[in-house]
Each structure stands twice: as structure tokens, then as C-alpha cells.
Amino acid sequence: VQLVESGGGLVQAGGSLRLSCAASGSIFSINTMGWYRQAPGKQRELVATISSGGNSNYAHSVKGRFTISRDNAKNTVYLQMNSLKPEDTAVYYCKVILSSGYKAYWGQGTQVTVSS
């Protein structure tokens, strides 16, 4: 299973970015898809997850600003990030958990930098 992320970049505070993560390979069904981030000197933290049924969960720090969605036909998860803040600066990683065996896979990460 391979995960390819895209959409990161440099944006000014208050701006928006949309991240995408496409999964490919030996996939029959994906259970949970999610986004995590890791800022320099900090531990990786959960940003948002979405279940196969569409139920979403957000970190308190991004609730109301970020929206996670998924396209099951394309095995792709998205993260729409609005009202970005400098503290959102981090490497963002996508994670998928397969329905069969609940094995987890991570993307390579994409840099998001928010300037003040």
C-alpha cells in the first residue's frame, strides 16, 4: 500500500490550503483515514480522522477551521484547512487503516508553513 500526499506549501496567516492523500496498492477496503502533524521539537499529534461511515473527529485546536473528507471510490482523504495560524506549521502525515487486519500505513508527509 502506498500513500501519496499533496497540497502542502507556504501560506499567510488566515489563508487556506487543501491537502490530499491517495492510497493505492492491495486495498480491498479502508476503515479509518486520518491526518496527523508534527511540528519541530514536538510529538506527532492527531489532527482529524474519518471513519468508513463518514464519522469525523477533530483535535480541539483545529475544530471549526479544518474539515476532513474522503472519497471511497478513489481511496483518497482530504483536509481542507481554513483560517490557518502560524501554530499550524508542521509536517502533515496521512494515515490509513485497512479494514482487513487493521494494518496501518503512513504517508511520507507534506510540509505546511504558515507565516505571520
C-alpha atoms as a PDB file:
ATOM      1  CA  VAL A   1       0.000   0.000   0.000  1.00  0.00           C
ATOM      2  CA  GLN A   2       1.366   3.387  -0.981  1.00  0.00           C
ATOM      3  CA  LEU A   3       0.146   6.779   0.176  1.00  0.00           C
ATOM      4  CA  VAL A   4       0.886   9.902  -1.855  1.00  0.00           C
ATOM      5  CA  GLU A   5       0.243  13.256  -0.219  1.00  0.00           C
ATOM      6  CA  SER A   6      -0.022  16.607  -1.916  1.00  0.00           C
ATOM      7  CA  GLY A   7      -1.186  20.146  -1.291  1.00  0.00           C
ATOM      8  CA  GLY A   8       1.243  21.446   1.298  1.00  0.00           C
ATOM      9  CA  GLY A   9       3.033  24.757   0.958  1.00  0.00           C
ATOM     10  CA  LEU A  10       3.584  28.222   2.322  1.00  0.00           C
ATOM     11  CA  VAL A  11       0.599  30.414   3.145  1.00  0.00           C
ATOM     12  CA  GLN A  12      -0.010  33.576   5.129  1.00  0.00           C
ATOM     13  CA  ALA A  13      -1.953  33.506   8.368  1.00  0.00           C
ATOM     14  CA  GLY A  14      -5.669  33.483   7.666  1.00  0.00           C
ATOM     15  CA  GLY A  15      -5.195  31.656   4.393  1.00  0.00           C
ATOM     16  CA  SER A  16      -6.294  28.215   3.269  1.00  0.00           C
ATOM     17  CA  LEU A  17      -4.758  25.026   1.971  1.00  0.00           C
ATOM     18  CA  ARG A  18      -6.201  21.681   0.918  1.00  0.00           C
ATOM     19  CA  LEU A  19      -4.235  18.500   1.483  1.00  0.00           C
ATOM     20  CA  SER A  20      -4.897  15.282  -0.405  1.00  0.00           C
ATOM     21  CA  CYS A  21      -3.714  11.744   0.251  1.00  0.00           C
ATOM     22  CA  ALA A  22      -4.318   8.982  -2.275  1.00  0.00           C
ATOM     23  CA  ALA A  23      -3.871   5.337  -1.326  1.00  0.00           C
ATOM     24  CA  SER A  24      -3.000   2.679  -3.874  1.00  0.00           C
ATOM     25  CA  GLY A  25      -1.929  -0.941  -3.940  1.00  0.00           C
ATOM     26  CA  SER A  26      -3.514  -4.040  -2.468  1.00  0.00           C
ATOM     27  CA  ILE A  27      -6.542  -2.357  -0.954  1.00  0.00           C
ATOM     28  CA  PHE A  28      -9.897  -4.035  -0.577  1.00  0.00           C
ATOM     29  CA  SER A  29     -11.404  -1.685   1.941  1.00  0.00           C
ATOM     30  CA  ILE A  30     -10.161   1.147   4.137  1.00  0.00           C
ATOM     31  CA  ASN A  31     -11.503   1.509   7.655  1.00  0.00           C
ATOM     32  CA  THR A  32     -10.226   4.797   9.059  1.00  0.00           C
ATOM     33  CA  MET A  33      -8.383   7.612   7.299  1.00  0.00           C
ATOM     34  CA  GLY A  34      -6.754  10.471   9.101  1.00  0.00           C
ATOM     35  CA  TRP A  35      -4.303  13.330   9.265  1.00  0.00           C
ATOM     36  CA  TYR A  36      -1.600  13.874  11.863  1.00  0.00           C
ATOM     37  CA  ARG A  37       1.036  16.572  12.163  1.00  0.00           C
ATOM     38  CA  GLN A  38       4.427  17.017  13.735  1.00  0.00           C
ATOM     39  CA  ALA A  39       5.973  20.394  14.456  1.00  0.00           C
ATOM     40  CA  PRO A  40       9.715  20.766  15.100  1.00  0.00           C
ATOM     41  CA  GLY A  41      10.620  19.547  18.558  1.00  0.00           C
ATOM     42  CA  LYS A  42       7.136  18.199  19.228  1.00  0.00           C
ATOM     43  CA  GLN A  43       5.465  14.828  19.137  1.00  0.00           C
ATOM     44  CA  ARG A  44       3.231  13.791  16.282  1.00  0.00           C
ATOM     45  CA  GLU A  45      -0.374  14.638  17.092  1.00  0.00           C
ATOM     46  CA  LEU A  46      -3.764  13.773  15.697  1.00  0.00           C
ATOM     47  CA  VAL A  47      -5.428  16.442  13.574  1.00  0.00           C
ATOM     48  CA  ALA A  48      -8.544  14.676  12.283  1.00  0.00           C
ATOM     49  CA  THR A  49      -9.866  11.242  11.427  1.00  0.00           C
ATOM     50  CA  ILE A  50     -12.816   9.966   9.424  1.00  0.00           C
ATOM     51  CA  SER A  51     -14.377   6.537   9.542  1.00  0.00           C
ATOM     52  CA  SER A  52     -15.599   4.464   6.643  1.00  0.00           C
ATOM     53  CA  GLY A  53     -19.097   5.621   7.516  1.00  0.00           C
ATOM     54  CA  GLY A  54     -18.130   9.275   7.411  1.00  0.00           C
ATOM     55  CA  ASN A  55     -17.925   9.991  11.113  1.00  0.00           C
ATOM     56  CA  SER A  56     -15.212  12.562  11.776  1.00  0.00           C
ATOM     57  CA  ASN A  57     -13.154  13.501  14.804  1.00  0.00           C
ATOM     58  CA  TYR A  58     -11.020  16.628  15.252  1.00  0.00           C
ATOM     59  CA  ALA A  59      -8.366  17.916  17.567  1.00  0.00           C
ATOM     60  CA  HIS A  60      -9.701  20.768  19.663  1.00  0.00           C
ATOM     61  CA  SER A  61      -7.133  23.156  18.188  1.00  0.00           C
ATOM     62  CA  VAL A  62      -8.474  22.758  14.630  1.00  0.00           C
ATOM     63  CA  LYS A  63     -12.183  22.245  15.234  1.00  0.00           C
ATOM     64  CA  GLY A  64     -14.212  24.719  13.225  1.00  0.00           C
ATOM     65  CA  ARG A  65     -11.291  25.574  10.936  1.00  0.00           C
ATOM     66  CA  PHE A  66     -10.355  22.230   9.343  1.00  0.00           C
ATOM     67  CA  THR A  67     -12.618  19.777   7.541  1.00  0.00           C
ATOM     68  CA  ILE A  68     -11.727  16.190   6.755  1.00  0.00           C
ATOM     69  CA  SER A  69     -13.452  14.293   3.964  1.00  0.00           C
ATOM     70  CA  ARG A  70     -12.894  11.146   1.939  1.00  0.00           C
ATOM     71  CA  ASP A  71     -13.711   9.727  -1.470  1.00  0.00           C
ATOM     72  CA  ASN A  72     -14.017   5.968  -1.027  1.00  0.00           C
ATOM     73  CA  ALA A  73     -14.108   5.328  -4.770  1.00  0.00           C
ATOM     74  CA  LYS A  74     -10.703   6.985  -5.110  1.00  0.00           C
ATOM     75  CA  ASN A  75      -9.265   5.785  -1.759  1.00  0.00           C
ATOM     76  CA  THR A  76      -8.448   9.416  -1.074  1.00  0.00           C
ATOM     77  CA  VAL A  77      -8.705  11.562   2.029  1.00  0.00           C
ATOM     78  CA  TYR A  78      -8.702  15.349   2.058  1.00  0.00           C
ATOM     79  CA  LEU A  79      -8.047  18.007   4.668  1.00  0.00           C
ATOM     80  CA  GLN A  80      -9.423  21.459   3.980  1.00  0.00           C
ATOM     81  CA  MET A  81      -7.605  23.913   6.223  1.00  0.00           C
ATOM     82  CA  ASN A  82      -9.050  27.405   6.627  1.00  0.00           C
ATOM     83  CA  SER A  83      -8.103  30.325   8.857  1.00  0.00           C
ATOM     84  CA  LEU A  84      -4.607  28.961   9.173  1.00  0.00           C
ATOM     85  CA  LYS A  85      -2.435  30.122  12.050  1.00  0.00           C
ATOM     86  CA  PRO A  86       1.348  30.114  12.460  1.00  0.00           C
ATOM     87  CA  GLU A  87       0.959  27.378  15.084  1.00  0.00           C
ATOM     88  CA  ASP A  88      -0.453  25.120  12.376  1.00  0.00           C
ATOM     89  CA  THR A  89       3.020  24.979  10.844  1.00  0.00           C
ATOM     90  CA  ALA A  90       4.118  21.337  10.768  1.00  0.00           C
ATOM     91  CA  VAL A  91       4.709  18.320   8.587  1.00  0.00           C
ATOM     92  CA  TYR A  92       1.322  16.752   7.930  1.00  0.00           C
ATOM     93  CA  TYR A  93       1.043  12.980   7.563  1.00  0.00           C
ATOM     94  CA  CYS A  94      -1.886  10.930   6.375  1.00  0.00           C
ATOM     95  CA  LYS A  95      -2.643   7.553   7.870  1.00  0.00           C
ATOM     96  CA  VAL A  96      -4.964   4.827   6.683  1.00  0.00           C
ATOM     97  CA  ILE A  97      -6.096   1.713   8.495  1.00  0.00           C
ATOM     98  CA  LEU A  98      -7.264  -1.151   6.334  1.00  0.00           C
ATOM     99  CA  SER A  99     -10.462  -2.974   7.191  1.00  0.00           C
ATOM    100  CA  SER A 100      -8.729  -6.354   6.774  1.00  0.00           C
ATOM    101  CA  GLY A 101      -6.363  -6.905   9.692  1.00  0.00           C
ATOM    102  CA  TYR A 102      -6.480  -3.223  10.723  1.00  0.00           C
ATOM    103  CA  LYS A 103      -2.958  -2.674   9.439  1.00  0.00           C
ATOM    104  CA  ALA A 104      -1.885   0.971   9.393  1.00  0.00           C
ATOM    105  CA  TYR A 105       0.066   2.813   6.713  1.00  0.00           C
ATOM    106  CA  TRP A 106       1.595   6.306   6.772  1.00  0.00           C
ATOM    107  CA  GLY A 107       2.284   8.817   4.048  1.00  0.00           C
ATOM    108  CA  GLN A 108       5.658  10.468   3.577  1.00  0.00           C
ATOM    109  CA  GLY A 109       4.490  13.806   4.939  1.00  0.00           C
ATOM    110  CA  THR A 110       3.913  17.213   3.397  1.00  0.00           C
ATOM    111  CA  GLN A 111       5.175  20.494   4.824  1.00  0.00           C
ATOM    112  CA  VAL A 112       2.688  23.202   5.756  1.00  0.00           C
ATOM    113  CA  THR A 113       4.169  26.560   6.718  1.00  0.00           C
ATOM    114  CA  VAL A 114       2.006  29.449   7.889  1.00  0.00           C
ATOM    115  CA  SER A 115       3.679  32.835   8.059  1.00  0.00           C
ATOM    116  CA  SER A 116       2.524  35.584  10.399  1.00  0.00           C
END
